[in-house]
Amino acid sequence: MPHTLRHCRRGAMLPLIAFLLPVLVIFLGFAVDLAYMQNARLELRATTDAAARAAATTLSRTDSVGKAKRAAKRIARRNRVAGLGLELRDSDIEFGRSEPDRKGRYHFTPGAEPLNAVRVTGDRTAGSPTGSVALFFSNLYGGKSFEPTFVSTASFLSVDVCLVLDRSGSMRGQKLRDLQDAVEVFLQELESTNAVEQVALASYSSSAKTELGLTTDYSEVRKKVDKFNASGMTAIGEGLRHGIKAAIGPGHRVTAEPMIILMTDGLHNTGIGPMSYADDAAEEGIKVYTVTFGAGADKKLMRDVASATGGRYMHADNREELIAVFRELAAQASQITN
């Protein structure tokens, strides 16, 4: 090929390169900003989720809207979105109630009581306290600043639960030790969750008594249960009566659902029957979850008590099954979800 022709072709490429180079720079800048925008979205989502969960956890523990707001703001400020801590306004934090529909999806209603949910709006718009997200190369392609918004709702099932436990004569020996092991697993499961649940304790044999009022000090519950001695008859009704008083007694939180776990291994044989008190529990909005242990328990009676209060009946034949039942009941009592 003649030298002159090759020289002309090289010369013709220079204007094309000069034309394409700015285009390539614009595309490169757009790609960098696009990745930056996606990262900012992810950071905003994580921060808003964390703020909502912090507020819901604080509300479930303290019953204080003010403390819940401060918790949300504190967590948001500690997390960076596009290099800056997220600042939340009071109006960005809403309190209300989340209820599941028939398909199990939760729907938030602002202001509905009793409160069990917090909705947080995290935004980096021009009108927000933190402002919009400045992009690196927006001037190259005529873009504007980035204004992401994310909404997160955290709801909780906060429960004040009273354990009503059978210490009648039929629980003597291995059965009582199995119950103590199951209660220990129940308390460990509560301790492993984000929710802070209060636990009260009542027991019954020929008569009943409230062993401990609502508390978050589970070590006290352990001490009481470990000292149980099994003797006497089986006054299930009296046990339930004490459980009702404890579940809605001193320390009961207005945002907490009252719950009773009523356990027996035998037949009700003294005092007023538990069905009379089941009606009282239902009137107070207390769900009674009943547990029978072993072949000698009155399954029908305990099933009826649970049904009358909107609770659930469960049965265990042995130690392993009893532990599994109490583990499942702990999961029922401790739920915080985004």
Protein backbone atom coordinates (compact mmCIF):
# COMPACT_ATOMS: atom_id res chain seq x y z
CA MET A 1 0.00 0.00 0.00
CA PRO A 2 1.43 3.38 -0.87
CA HIS A 3 2.80 5.36 2.03
CA THR A 4 0.61 8.36 1.22
CA LEU A 5 -2.61 6.27 1.47
CA ARG A 6 -1.66 4.84 4.85
CA HIS A 7 -0.88 8.31 6.12
CA CYS A 8 -4.29 9.58 5.00
CA ARG A 9 -6.11 6.79 6.82
CA ARG A 10 -4.27 7.50 10.03
CA GLY A 11 -5.12 11.14 9.66
CA ALA A 12 -8.77 10.31 9.15
CA MET A 13 -8.92 8.39 12.45
CA LEU A 14 -7.74 11.31 14.56
CA PRO A 15 -10.94 13.37 14.20
CA LEU A 16 -13.02 10.25 14.97
CA ILE A 17 -11.00 9.55 18.13
CA ALA A 18 -11.25 13.20 19.11
CA PHE A 19 -15.04 12.99 18.67
CA LEU A 20 -15.49 9.71 20.55
CA LEU A 21 -13.19 10.46 23.46
CA PRO A 22 -15.58 12.89 25.20
CA VAL A 23 -18.44 10.44 24.60
CA LEU A 24 -16.43 7.69 26.25
CA VAL A 25 -15.62 9.97 29.18
CA ILE A 26 -19.34 10.80 29.55
CA PHE A 27 -20.29 7.12 29.52
CA LEU A 28 -17.55 6.32 32.02
CA GLY A 29 -18.72 9.11 34.32
CA PHE A 30 -22.31 7.94 34.01
CA ALA A 31 -21.27 4.36 34.87
CA VAL A 32 -19.38 5.56 37.97
CA ASP A 33 -22.34 7.67 39.11
CA LEU A 34 -24.74 4.80 38.45
CA ALA A 35 -22.73 2.50 40.69
CA TYR A 36 -22.55 5.24 43.32
CA MET A 37 -26.33 5.70 43.17
CA GLN A 38 -26.93 1.98 43.63
CA ASN A 39 -24.60 1.89 46.62
CA ALA A 40 -26.38 4.90 48.14
CA ARG A 41 -29.73 3.10 47.73
CA LEU A 42 -28.38 0.04 49.54
CA GLU A 43 -26.93 2.17 52.34
CA LEU A 44 -30.20 4.08 52.72
CA ARG A 45 -32.20 0.86 52.88
CA ALA A 46 -29.92 -0.69 55.51
CA THR A 47 -29.93 2.50 57.59
CA THR A 48 -33.71 2.92 57.44
CA ASP A 49 -34.25 -0.75 58.35
CA ALA A 50 -31.87 -0.43 61.30
CA ALA A 51 -33.58 2.75 62.53
CA ALA A 52 -37.02 1.14 62.35
CA ARG A 53 -35.88 -1.97 64.21
CA ALA A 54 -34.17 0.13 66.89
CA ALA A 55 -37.33 2.15 67.41
CA ALA A 56 -39.57 -0.94 67.53
CA THR A 57 -37.26 -2.72 69.97
CA THR A 58 -37.12 0.35 72.23
CA LEU A 59 -40.89 0.82 72.10
CA SER A 60 -41.50 -2.83 73.01
CA ARG A 61 -39.13 -2.56 75.97
CA THR A 62 -40.03 0.87 77.36
CA ASP A 63 -43.55 1.75 76.11
CA SER A 64 -42.10 5.22 75.37
CA VAL A 65 -42.66 6.87 71.98
CA GLY A 66 -40.12 9.55 72.87
CA LYS A 67 -37.39 7.04 73.64
CA ALA A 68 -38.22 5.10 70.48
CA LYS A 69 -37.83 8.24 68.36
CA ARG A 70 -34.48 9.01 69.95
CA ALA A 71 -33.30 5.45 69.31
CA ALA A 72 -34.25 5.68 65.63
CA LYS A 73 -32.47 9.01 65.21
CA ARG A 74 -29.37 7.81 67.01
CA ILE A 75 -29.01 4.67 64.88
CA ALA A 76 -29.70 6.57 61.65
CA ARG A 77 -27.08 9.17 62.50
CA ARG A 78 -24.47 6.48 63.14
CA ASN A 79 -24.99 4.91 59.71
CA ARG A 80 -23.62 6.67 56.65
CA VAL A 81 -25.52 7.13 53.41
CA ALA A 82 -23.28 8.46 50.63
CA GLY A 83 -20.73 9.53 53.21
CA LEU A 84 -23.06 11.30 55.64
CA GLY A 85 -24.97 10.15 58.70
CA LEU A 86 -28.71 10.12 58.04
CA GLU A 87 -30.65 12.77 59.93
CA LEU A 88 -34.30 11.94 60.70
CA ARG A 89 -37.07 14.39 61.52
CA ASP A 90 -39.87 13.59 63.97
CA SER A 91 -42.24 13.45 60.99
CA ASP A 92 -40.08 10.70 59.45
CA ILE A 93 -40.94 8.38 62.36
CA GLU A 94 -44.54 7.16 62.58
CA PHE A 95 -46.11 4.92 65.19
CA GLY A 96 -49.09 2.67 64.69
CA ARG A 97 -50.16 -0.92 64.41
CA SER A 98 -49.34 -3.70 61.95
CA GLU A 99 -51.84 -6.49 61.47
CA PRO A 100 -51.57 -9.52 59.17
CA ASP A 101 -54.08 -10.14 56.42
CA ARG A 102 -55.34 -13.57 55.44
CA LYS A 103 -52.19 -14.24 53.45
CA GLY A 104 -49.93 -13.35 56.38
CA ARG A 105 -48.77 -10.00 54.96
CA TYR A 106 -48.61 -7.20 57.52
CA HIS A 107 -50.29 -3.84 56.90
CA PHE A 108 -49.40 -0.70 58.85
CA THR A 109 -52.09 1.68 60.15
CA PRO A 110 -50.66 4.98 61.49
CA GLY A 111 -51.91 5.93 64.94
CA ALA A 112 -53.78 2.66 65.56
CA GLU A 113 -53.46 1.33 69.12
CA PRO A 114 -52.18 -0.54 70.95
CA LEU A 115 -48.96 0.40 69.21
CA ASN A 116 -46.88 -2.45 67.86
CA ALA A 117 -45.08 -0.97 64.85
CA VAL A 118 -42.84 1.89 63.73
CA ARG A 119 -42.57 3.19 60.16
CA VAL A 120 -39.45 5.17 59.28
CA THR A 121 -38.97 7.18 56.09
CA GLY A 122 -35.32 7.66 55.23
CA ASP A 123 -34.66 10.16 52.47
CA ARG A 124 -31.80 12.05 50.92
CA THR A 125 -33.88 14.59 48.99
CA ALA A 126 -33.14 18.27 48.60
CA GLY A 127 -35.64 19.10 51.35
CA SER A 128 -34.33 16.56 53.86
CA PRO A 129 -32.01 17.50 56.76
CA THR A 130 -29.10 15.62 55.15
CA GLY A 131 -29.79 16.89 51.64
CA SER A 132 -29.60 15.15 48.28
CA VAL A 133 -26.74 12.95 47.11
CA ALA A 134 -24.22 14.86 44.99
CA LEU A 135 -22.93 12.90 41.99
CA PHE A 136 -19.35 13.03 40.71
CA PHE A 137 -19.87 13.55 36.97
CA SER A 138 -23.40 14.91 36.63
CA ASN A 139 -22.08 18.07 34.93
CA LEU A 140 -20.75 15.96 32.07
CA TYR A 141 -24.11 14.58 31.02
CA GLY A 142 -26.47 17.23 32.34
CA GLY A 143 -27.66 15.14 35.30
CA LYS A 144 -28.94 16.35 38.65
CA SER A 145 -28.22 15.29 42.20
CA PHE A 146 -29.62 11.94 43.31
CA GLU A 147 -32.65 11.93 45.68
CA PRO A 148 -33.36 8.41 47.01
CA THR A 149 -36.15 7.60 49.50
CA PHE A 150 -36.83 4.38 51.37
CA VAL A 151 -39.58 3.42 53.82
CA SER A 152 -39.20 0.64 56.40
CA THR A 153 -41.71 -0.70 58.92
CA ALA A 154 -40.69 -2.78 61.91
CA SER A 155 -43.41 -4.46 63.92
CA PHE A 156 -43.26 -6.53 67.05
CA LEU A 157 -45.41 -8.88 69.05
CA SER A 158 -44.59 -7.70 72.53
CA VAL A 159 -45.83 -10.12 75.17
CA ASP A 160 -46.22 -10.08 78.92
CA VAL A 161 -46.35 -13.80 79.63
CA CYS A 162 -47.20 -15.68 82.80
CA LEU A 163 -46.05 -19.27 83.21
CA VAL A 164 -48.63 -21.24 85.21
CA LEU A 165 -47.00 -24.53 86.16
CA ASP A 166 -48.23 -27.74 87.75
CA ARG A 167 -46.38 -28.81 90.91
CA SER A 168 -48.95 -31.37 92.11
CA GLY A 169 -47.97 -34.78 93.45
CA SER A 170 -48.07 -36.43 90.02
CA MET A 171 -45.21 -34.16 88.92
CA ARG A 172 -42.87 -35.63 91.55
CA GLY A 173 -39.48 -36.91 90.39
CA GLN A 174 -38.40 -36.97 86.74
CA LYS A 175 -41.44 -35.10 85.45
CA LEU A 176 -40.61 -32.07 87.56
CA ARG A 177 -37.00 -32.15 86.36
CA ASP A 178 -38.21 -32.35 82.77
CA LEU A 179 -40.41 -29.31 83.34
CA GLN A 180 -37.52 -27.37 84.86
CA ASP A 181 -35.39 -28.19 81.80
CA ALA A 182 -38.18 -27.06 79.46
CA VAL A 183 -38.59 -23.75 81.31
CA GLU A 184 -34.83 -23.19 81.08
CA VAL A 185 -34.97 -23.65 77.29
CA PHE A 186 -37.95 -21.28 77.13
CA LEU A 187 -36.03 -18.56 78.97
CA GLN A 188 -32.90 -19.10 76.89
CA GLU A 189 -34.92 -18.69 73.71
CA LEU A 190 -36.37 -15.40 74.99
CA GLU A 191 -32.89 -14.17 75.84
CA SER A 192 -31.64 -14.91 72.31
CA THR A 193 -34.12 -12.59 70.58
CA ASN A 194 -34.23 -8.82 70.00
CA ALA A 195 -37.56 -8.53 71.79
CA VAL A 196 -37.59 -7.90 75.53
CA GLU A 197 -40.40 -9.90 77.08
CA GLN A 198 -41.61 -9.79 80.67
CA VAL A 199 -42.27 -13.08 82.42
CA ALA A 200 -44.35 -13.76 85.52
CA LEU A 201 -44.65 -17.09 87.34
CA ALA A 202 -47.55 -18.83 89.10
CA SER A 203 -47.78 -22.41 90.31
CA TYR A 204 -50.45 -24.71 91.69
CA SER A 205 -51.06 -27.98 93.47
CA SER A 206 -53.89 -28.20 96.04
CA SER A 207 -53.88 -24.41 95.98
CA ALA A 208 -52.13 -21.82 93.84
CA LYS A 209 -49.89 -18.82 94.32
CA THR A 210 -48.16 -16.12 92.32
CA GLU A 211 -44.48 -16.89 92.62
CA LEU A 212 -43.19 -13.80 90.80
CA GLY A 213 -44.69 -10.72 89.14
CA LEU A 214 -43.78 -9.55 85.65
CA THR A 215 -40.04 -9.13 85.28
CA THR A 216 -37.25 -9.11 82.72
CA ASP A 217 -34.91 -10.68 85.26
CA TYR A 218 -35.19 -14.28 84.10
CA SER A 219 -32.69 -15.41 86.72
CA GLU A 220 -35.39 -14.87 89.34
CA VAL A 221 -37.78 -17.07 87.36
CA ARG A 222 -35.12 -19.78 87.19
CA LYS A 223 -34.54 -19.65 90.95
CA LYS A 224 -38.22 -20.03 91.71
CA VAL A 225 -38.75 -22.93 89.30
CA ASP A 226 -35.64 -24.74 90.54
CA LYS A 227 -37.05 -24.67 94.09
CA PHE A 228 -40.35 -26.33 93.15
CA ASN A 229 -41.46 -29.30 95.23
CA ALA A 230 -44.21 -31.53 93.86
CA SER A 231 -47.07 -32.54 96.19
CA GLY A 232 -50.81 -32.29 96.69
CA MET A 233 -53.79 -32.21 94.34
CA THR A 234 -54.37 -30.40 91.03
CA ALA A 235 -56.19 -27.05 91.21
CA ILE A 236 -55.82 -25.98 87.59
CA GLY A 237 -58.55 -23.36 87.90
CA GLU A 238 -56.83 -21.64 90.82
CA GLY A 239 -53.56 -21.65 88.88
CA LEU A 240 -55.26 -19.95 85.94
CA ARG A 241 -56.84 -17.37 88.23
CA HIS A 242 -53.43 -16.38 89.58
CA GLY A 243 -52.03 -16.36 86.06
CA ILE A 244 -54.64 -13.85 84.92
CA LYS A 245 -53.85 -11.50 87.79
CA ALA A 246 -50.12 -11.71 87.12
CA ALA A 247 -50.33 -11.30 83.31
CA ILE A 248 -52.17 -7.97 83.58
CA GLY A 249 -50.85 -6.98 86.99
CA PRO A 250 -48.22 -4.44 88.05
CA GLY A 251 -45.70 -3.79 85.30
CA HIS A 252 -48.00 -4.85 82.44
CA ARG A 253 -47.14 -2.79 79.35
CA VAL A 254 -49.92 -1.16 77.34
CA THR A 255 -48.17 -2.16 74.09
CA ALA A 256 -47.82 -5.79 75.20
CA GLU A 257 -50.19 -8.65 74.51
CA PRO A 258 -50.95 -10.58 77.73
CA MET A 259 -50.35 -14.31 77.41
CA ILE A 260 -50.57 -17.30 79.74
CA ILE A 261 -48.85 -20.66 79.34
CA LEU A 262 -50.87 -23.12 81.44
CA MET A 263 -49.21 -26.50 81.91
CA THR A 264 -50.48 -29.68 83.61
CA ASP A 265 -49.77 -33.40 83.67
CA GLY A 266 -53.03 -34.44 85.33
CA LEU A 267 -56.73 -33.96 85.94
CA HIS A 268 -58.34 -30.97 87.60
CA ASN A 269 -59.60 -32.35 90.93
CA THR A 270 -60.09 -29.49 93.39
CA GLY A 271 -61.55 -25.99 93.41
CA ILE A 272 -63.32 -24.07 90.65
CA GLY A 273 -62.65 -25.47 87.20
CA PRO A 274 -60.42 -23.66 84.69
CA MET A 275 -63.22 -23.09 82.16
CA SER A 276 -64.80 -20.53 84.50
CA TYR A 277 -61.56 -18.57 84.55
CA ALA A 278 -61.01 -19.08 80.82
CA ASP A 279 -64.01 -16.80 80.28
CA ASP A 280 -62.38 -14.20 82.53
CA ALA A 281 -59.15 -14.45 80.55
CA ALA A 282 -61.00 -13.98 77.27
CA GLU A 283 -62.72 -10.85 78.63
CA GLU A 284 -59.32 -9.41 79.56
CA GLY A 285 -57.93 -10.17 76.10
CA ILE A 286 -55.53 -12.80 77.45
CA LYS A 287 -54.71 -15.75 75.22
CA VAL A 288 -54.10 -18.96 77.15
CA TYR A 289 -51.74 -21.48 75.58
CA THR A 290 -52.28 -24.84 77.26
CA VAL A 291 -49.75 -27.67 77.52
CA THR A 292 -50.44 -31.22 78.66
CA PHE A 293 -47.60 -33.51 79.63
CA GLY A 294 -47.87 -37.29 79.74
CA ALA A 295 -50.69 -39.80 79.32
CA GLY A 296 -52.64 -38.83 82.46
CA ALA A 297 -53.48 -35.23 81.49
CA ASP A 298 -56.99 -34.06 80.61
CA LYS A 299 -56.38 -33.15 76.97
CA LYS A 300 -59.99 -32.24 76.19
CA LEU A 301 -60.28 -29.80 79.08
CA MET A 302 -57.03 -28.06 78.23
CA ARG A 303 -57.95 -27.92 74.56
CA ASP A 304 -61.24 -26.26 75.51
CA VAL A 305 -59.49 -23.69 77.72
CA ALA A 306 -57.17 -22.70 74.87
CA SER A 307 -60.02 -22.52 72.37
CA ALA A 308 -62.12 -20.30 74.66
CA THR A 309 -59.35 -17.68 74.85
CA GLY A 310 -58.03 -17.76 71.28
CA GLY A 311 -54.89 -19.56 72.39
CA ARG A 312 -53.44 -22.87 71.30
CA TYR A 313 -53.31 -26.35 72.79
CA MET A 314 -50.12 -28.45 72.67
CA HIS A 315 -49.23 -31.89 74.05
CA ALA A 316 -45.94 -33.57 74.98
CA ASP A 317 -45.44 -37.23 75.84
CA ASN A 318 -41.81 -36.99 77.01
CA ARG A 319 -39.00 -34.65 77.98
CA GLU A 320 -37.83 -33.97 74.42
CA GLU A 321 -41.33 -33.13 73.25
CA LEU A 322 -41.93 -30.88 76.26
CA ILE A 323 -38.74 -28.94 75.52
CA ALA A 324 -39.80 -28.60 71.88
CA VAL A 325 -43.19 -27.27 72.97
CA PHE A 326 -41.67 -24.62 75.24
CA ARG A 327 -39.17 -23.64 72.54
CA GLU A 328 -42.04 -23.10 70.10
CA LEU A 329 -43.95 -21.08 72.68
CA ALA A 330 -40.91 -18.85 73.17
CA ALA A 331 -40.82 -18.22 69.42
CA GLN A 332 -44.51 -17.31 69.57
CA ALA A 333 -43.78 -14.76 72.30
CA SER A 334 -40.81 -13.04 70.62
CA GLN A 335 -41.28 -11.52 67.19
CA ILE A 336 -39.79 -8.39 65.70
CA THR A 337 -39.92 -8.13 61.93
CA ASN A 338 -39.12 -5.70 59.13
